């Protein structure tokens, strides 16, 4: 798969359709908190619902790479659940999913680690978030030592099943919408706007 081509064409397709959403598209795009959030009065992800229209109207489509997700998301199910991803507005990652994957994997390796070496102090927050699984960071900049001096964010999302082919995570990478200058929120681009080639690769990964 040509990552840069797929992302470019997906951006183009989404831009053409987001100029004026139909009522049907509006209902498809709209996000409603899962029932467990309502029952538990969990407000950690409120910004994702509050700013969804900013992402849909003003967001930039970039690659997102999974760091960690609720295990229930890897199989069909009823409810949406959270995940933590890395993503970047830097154009270098448009064609370099491997590098984004490396960053995500290096961060996941910090799980259950106690970082005491002075050179690792910048990564303590990341290790705690990945280990704790309850904290919900938004748009934390990853240290340059891991990203080769490129701007890469470590951020929480809610994985909306209705926006995924088949309703669950079949792969650890996907196009996401971000607007870091306007909101800390991010969301997976609804699959209706993905390039068909991208859909095929993702579903058969």
Protein backbone atom coordinates (compact mmCIF):
# COMPACT_ATOMS: atom_id res chain seq x y z
CA UNK A 1 0.00 0.00 0.00
CA UNK A 2 1.23 3.47 -0.89
CA UNK A 3 0.53 5.22 2.42
CA UNK A 4 0.99 8.76 1.10
CA UNK A 5 -1.29 8.16 -1.90
CA UNK A 6 -4.01 6.54 0.23
CA UNK A 7 -3.90 9.37 2.75
CA UNK A 8 -3.96 12.04 0.04
CA UNK A 9 -6.95 10.48 -1.71
CA UNK A 10 -8.76 9.94 1.59
CA UNK A 11 -8.21 13.60 2.49
CA UNK A 12 -9.53 14.61 -0.91
CA UNK A 13 -12.62 12.42 -0.60
CA UNK A 14 -13.41 13.68 2.89
CA UNK A 15 -12.89 17.32 1.94
CA UNK A 16 -15.31 16.99 -0.97
CA UNK A 17 -18.02 15.50 1.22
CA UNK A 18 -17.57 17.59 4.36
CA UNK A 19 -18.43 20.88 2.68
CA UNK A 20 -22.11 20.21 3.28
CA UNK A 21 -23.12 17.06 5.13
CA UNK A 22 -26.53 15.60 4.37
CA UNK A 23 -28.85 14.77 7.27
CA UNK A 24 -27.99 11.09 6.81
CA UNK A 25 -24.27 11.88 6.94
CA UNK A 26 -24.81 14.06 9.99
CA UNK A 27 -26.44 11.17 11.85
CA UNK A 28 -23.66 8.81 10.77
CA UNK A 29 -20.93 11.23 11.84
CA UNK A 30 -22.51 12.21 15.16
CA UNK A 31 -21.03 10.76 18.32
CA UNK A 32 -23.02 9.83 21.40
CA UNK A 33 -21.34 8.73 24.66
CA UNK A 34 -21.65 4.99 25.34
CA UNK A 35 -24.06 3.91 28.06
CA UNK A 36 -21.29 2.95 30.47
CA UNK A 37 -20.04 6.55 30.43
CA UNK A 38 -23.50 7.82 31.31
CA UNK A 39 -24.01 5.28 34.10
CA UNK A 40 -20.62 5.95 35.66
CA UNK A 41 -20.84 9.71 35.07
CA UNK A 42 -17.44 9.45 33.46
CA UNK A 43 -16.46 12.88 32.17
CA UNK A 44 -12.90 12.10 31.11
CA UNK A 45 -13.80 12.13 27.42
CA UNK A 46 -16.25 15.04 27.32
CA UNK A 47 -13.95 17.09 25.08
CA UNK A 48 -14.23 14.43 22.36
CA UNK A 49 -17.99 14.85 22.16
CA UNK A 50 -17.99 18.60 22.73
CA UNK A 51 -15.55 19.28 19.89
CA UNK A 52 -16.57 16.64 17.36
CA UNK A 53 -17.94 19.27 14.98
CA UNK A 54 -14.63 21.14 15.07
CA UNK A 55 -12.88 17.98 13.94
CA UNK A 56 -15.42 17.25 11.22
CA UNK A 57 -15.40 20.82 9.89
CA UNK A 58 -11.84 21.96 10.54
CA UNK A 59 -9.88 18.77 11.17
CA UNK A 60 -6.83 17.55 9.28
CA UNK A 61 -6.66 13.90 8.20
CA UNK A 62 -3.41 12.24 9.31
CA UNK A 63 -2.28 8.74 10.18
CA UNK A 64 -2.94 7.47 13.67
CA UNK A 65 -1.17 4.47 15.21
CA UNK A 66 -2.52 2.53 18.14
CA UNK A 67 -0.44 2.37 21.31
CA UNK A 68 -2.98 0.67 23.54
CA UNK A 69 -6.72 -0.03 23.47
CA UNK A 70 -9.43 -1.68 25.53
CA UNK A 71 -9.29 -5.40 24.70
CA UNK A 72 -13.01 -5.43 23.88
CA UNK A 73 -12.30 -3.32 20.80
CA UNK A 74 -10.54 -6.20 19.03
CA UNK A 75 -13.77 -8.14 18.64
CA UNK A 76 -17.36 -7.30 17.65
CA UNK A 77 -19.34 -5.73 20.46
CA UNK A 78 -21.97 -3.22 21.45
CA UNK A 79 -20.15 -0.40 23.19
CA UNK A 80 -17.47 2.09 22.25
CA UNK A 81 -14.29 2.11 24.35
CA UNK A 82 -11.15 4.26 24.68
CA UNK A 83 -7.70 3.88 23.22
CA UNK A 84 -4.41 5.77 23.19
CA UNK A 85 -2.73 6.58 19.89
CA UNK A 86 0.16 8.52 18.40
CA UNK A 87 -0.44 10.89 15.50
CA UNK A 88 1.34 13.77 13.85
CA UNK A 89 0.64 16.74 11.58
CA UNK A 90 4.20 16.45 10.22
CA UNK A 91 4.09 15.60 6.48
CA UNK A 92 7.01 13.17 6.86
CA UNK A 93 4.63 10.62 8.39
CA UNK A 94 2.20 10.71 5.46
CA UNK A 95 4.40 8.16 3.71
CA UNK A 96 6.04 6.65 6.77
CA UNK A 97 3.65 4.51 8.78
CA UNK A 98 6.58 2.32 9.83
CA UNK A 99 8.18 5.18 11.74
CA UNK A 100 4.89 6.04 13.45
CA UNK A 101 4.53 2.36 14.34
CA UNK A 102 8.02 2.32 15.83
CA UNK A 103 7.17 5.28 18.05
CA UNK A 104 3.95 3.62 19.22
CA UNK A 105 5.73 0.35 19.96
CA UNK A 106 8.55 2.08 21.83
CA UNK A 107 5.99 3.83 24.03
CA UNK A 108 4.09 0.62 24.69
CA UNK A 109 7.34 -1.00 25.84
CA UNK A 110 7.25 1.41 28.79
CA UNK A 111 4.23 -0.39 30.24
CA UNK A 112 4.86 -1.63 33.80
CA UNK A 113 8.31 -0.04 33.80
CA UNK A 114 9.66 2.10 36.64
CA UNK A 115 11.80 4.73 34.97
CA UNK A 116 14.51 5.96 37.30
CA UNK A 117 17.40 6.65 34.95
CA UNK A 118 17.84 10.43 34.42
CA UNK A 119 17.72 10.04 30.63
CA UNK A 120 14.27 8.45 30.89
CA UNK A 121 12.60 11.03 33.13
CA UNK A 122 10.84 12.65 30.15
CA UNK A 123 9.00 9.38 29.60
CA UNK A 124 7.67 8.84 33.13
CA UNK A 125 4.25 10.31 32.28
CA UNK A 126 3.89 8.02 29.26
CA UNK A 127 4.83 4.95 31.29
CA UNK A 128 2.32 5.86 34.00
CA UNK A 129 -0.53 6.44 31.54
CA UNK A 130 0.07 3.19 29.66
CA UNK A 131 0.42 1.20 32.88
CA UNK A 132 -2.50 2.81 34.72
CA UNK A 133 -4.93 2.55 31.77
CA UNK A 134 -7.31 4.99 33.47
CA UNK A 135 -5.61 8.31 32.75
CA UNK A 136 -6.71 10.13 29.61
CA UNK A 137 -4.03 12.43 28.23
CA UNK A 138 -4.76 14.69 25.29
CA UNK A 139 -2.14 15.90 22.82
CA UNK A 140 0.96 15.33 24.91
CA UNK A 141 4.02 16.05 22.78
CA UNK A 142 6.38 13.08 22.65
CA UNK A 143 10.05 13.90 23.39
CA UNK A 144 12.18 14.63 20.32
CA UNK A 145 14.59 11.85 21.24
CA UNK A 146 11.92 9.35 20.23
CA UNK A 147 10.44 11.19 17.25
CA UNK A 148 13.63 12.32 15.48
CA UNK A 149 12.70 15.96 16.16
CA UNK A 150 9.25 15.69 14.58
CA UNK A 151 6.06 16.85 16.32
CA UNK A 152 4.16 13.73 17.38
CA UNK A 153 1.24 13.63 19.80
CA UNK A 154 0.32 10.97 22.35
CA UNK A 155 -3.43 11.28 22.81
CA UNK A 156 -6.61 9.56 23.95
CA UNK A 157 -9.52 8.80 21.64
CA UNK A 158 -12.83 7.02 21.86
CA UNK A 159 -13.12 4.26 19.27
CA UNK A 160 -16.58 4.52 17.74
CA UNK A 161 -17.59 1.13 16.42
CA UNK A 162 -20.02 2.55 13.86
CA UNK A 163 -17.11 4.34 12.21
CA UNK A 164 -15.01 1.18 11.73
CA UNK A 165 -15.38 -1.45 9.00
CA UNK A 166 -16.98 -4.42 10.74
CA UNK A 167 -17.33 -2.48 13.98
CA UNK A 168 -14.03 -3.40 15.61
CA UNK A 169 -10.26 -2.90 15.35
CA UNK A 170 -8.83 -5.11 12.64
CA UNK A 171 -5.57 -3.19 12.46
CA UNK A 172 -3.56 -0.81 14.62
CA UNK A 173 -3.39 2.06 12.13
CA UNK A 174 -6.10 4.26 10.63
CA UNK A 175 -6.71 7.81 9.40
CA UNK A 176 -7.63 10.22 12.19
CA UNK A 177 -8.95 13.76 12.38
CA UNK A 178 -6.96 16.25 14.44
CA UNK A 179 -7.05 20.03 14.89
CA UNK A 180 -4.39 20.68 17.55
CA UNK A 181 -4.60 24.46 17.24
CA UNK A 182 -8.34 24.39 17.91
CA UNK A 183 -9.00 21.40 20.18
CA UNK A 184 -7.14 18.63 22.02
CA UNK A 185 -9.72 16.17 20.69
CA UNK A 186 -9.03 13.60 17.97
CA UNK A 187 -11.16 10.93 16.35
CA UNK A 188 -10.83 8.13 13.84
CA UNK A 189 -12.03 9.33 10.45
CA UNK A 190 -15.35 7.54 9.78
CA UNK A 191 -14.64 4.69 7.35
CA UNK A 192 -17.28 5.94 4.90
CA UNK A 193 -14.70 8.53 3.83
CA UNK A 194 -11.77 6.15 3.45
CA UNK A 195 -10.33 5.36 0.04
CA UNK A 196 -11.61 1.91 -1.12
CA UNK A 197 -8.03 0.64 -1.45
CA UNK A 198 -7.39 1.66 2.15
CA UNK A 199 -10.52 -0.17 3.29
CA UNK A 200 -9.41 -3.36 1.53
CA UNK A 201 -5.93 -3.30 3.06
CA UNK A 202 -7.21 -2.46 6.54
CA UNK A 203 -9.88 -5.17 6.54
CA UNK A 204 -7.45 -7.84 5.32
CA UNK A 205 -4.47 -6.80 7.42
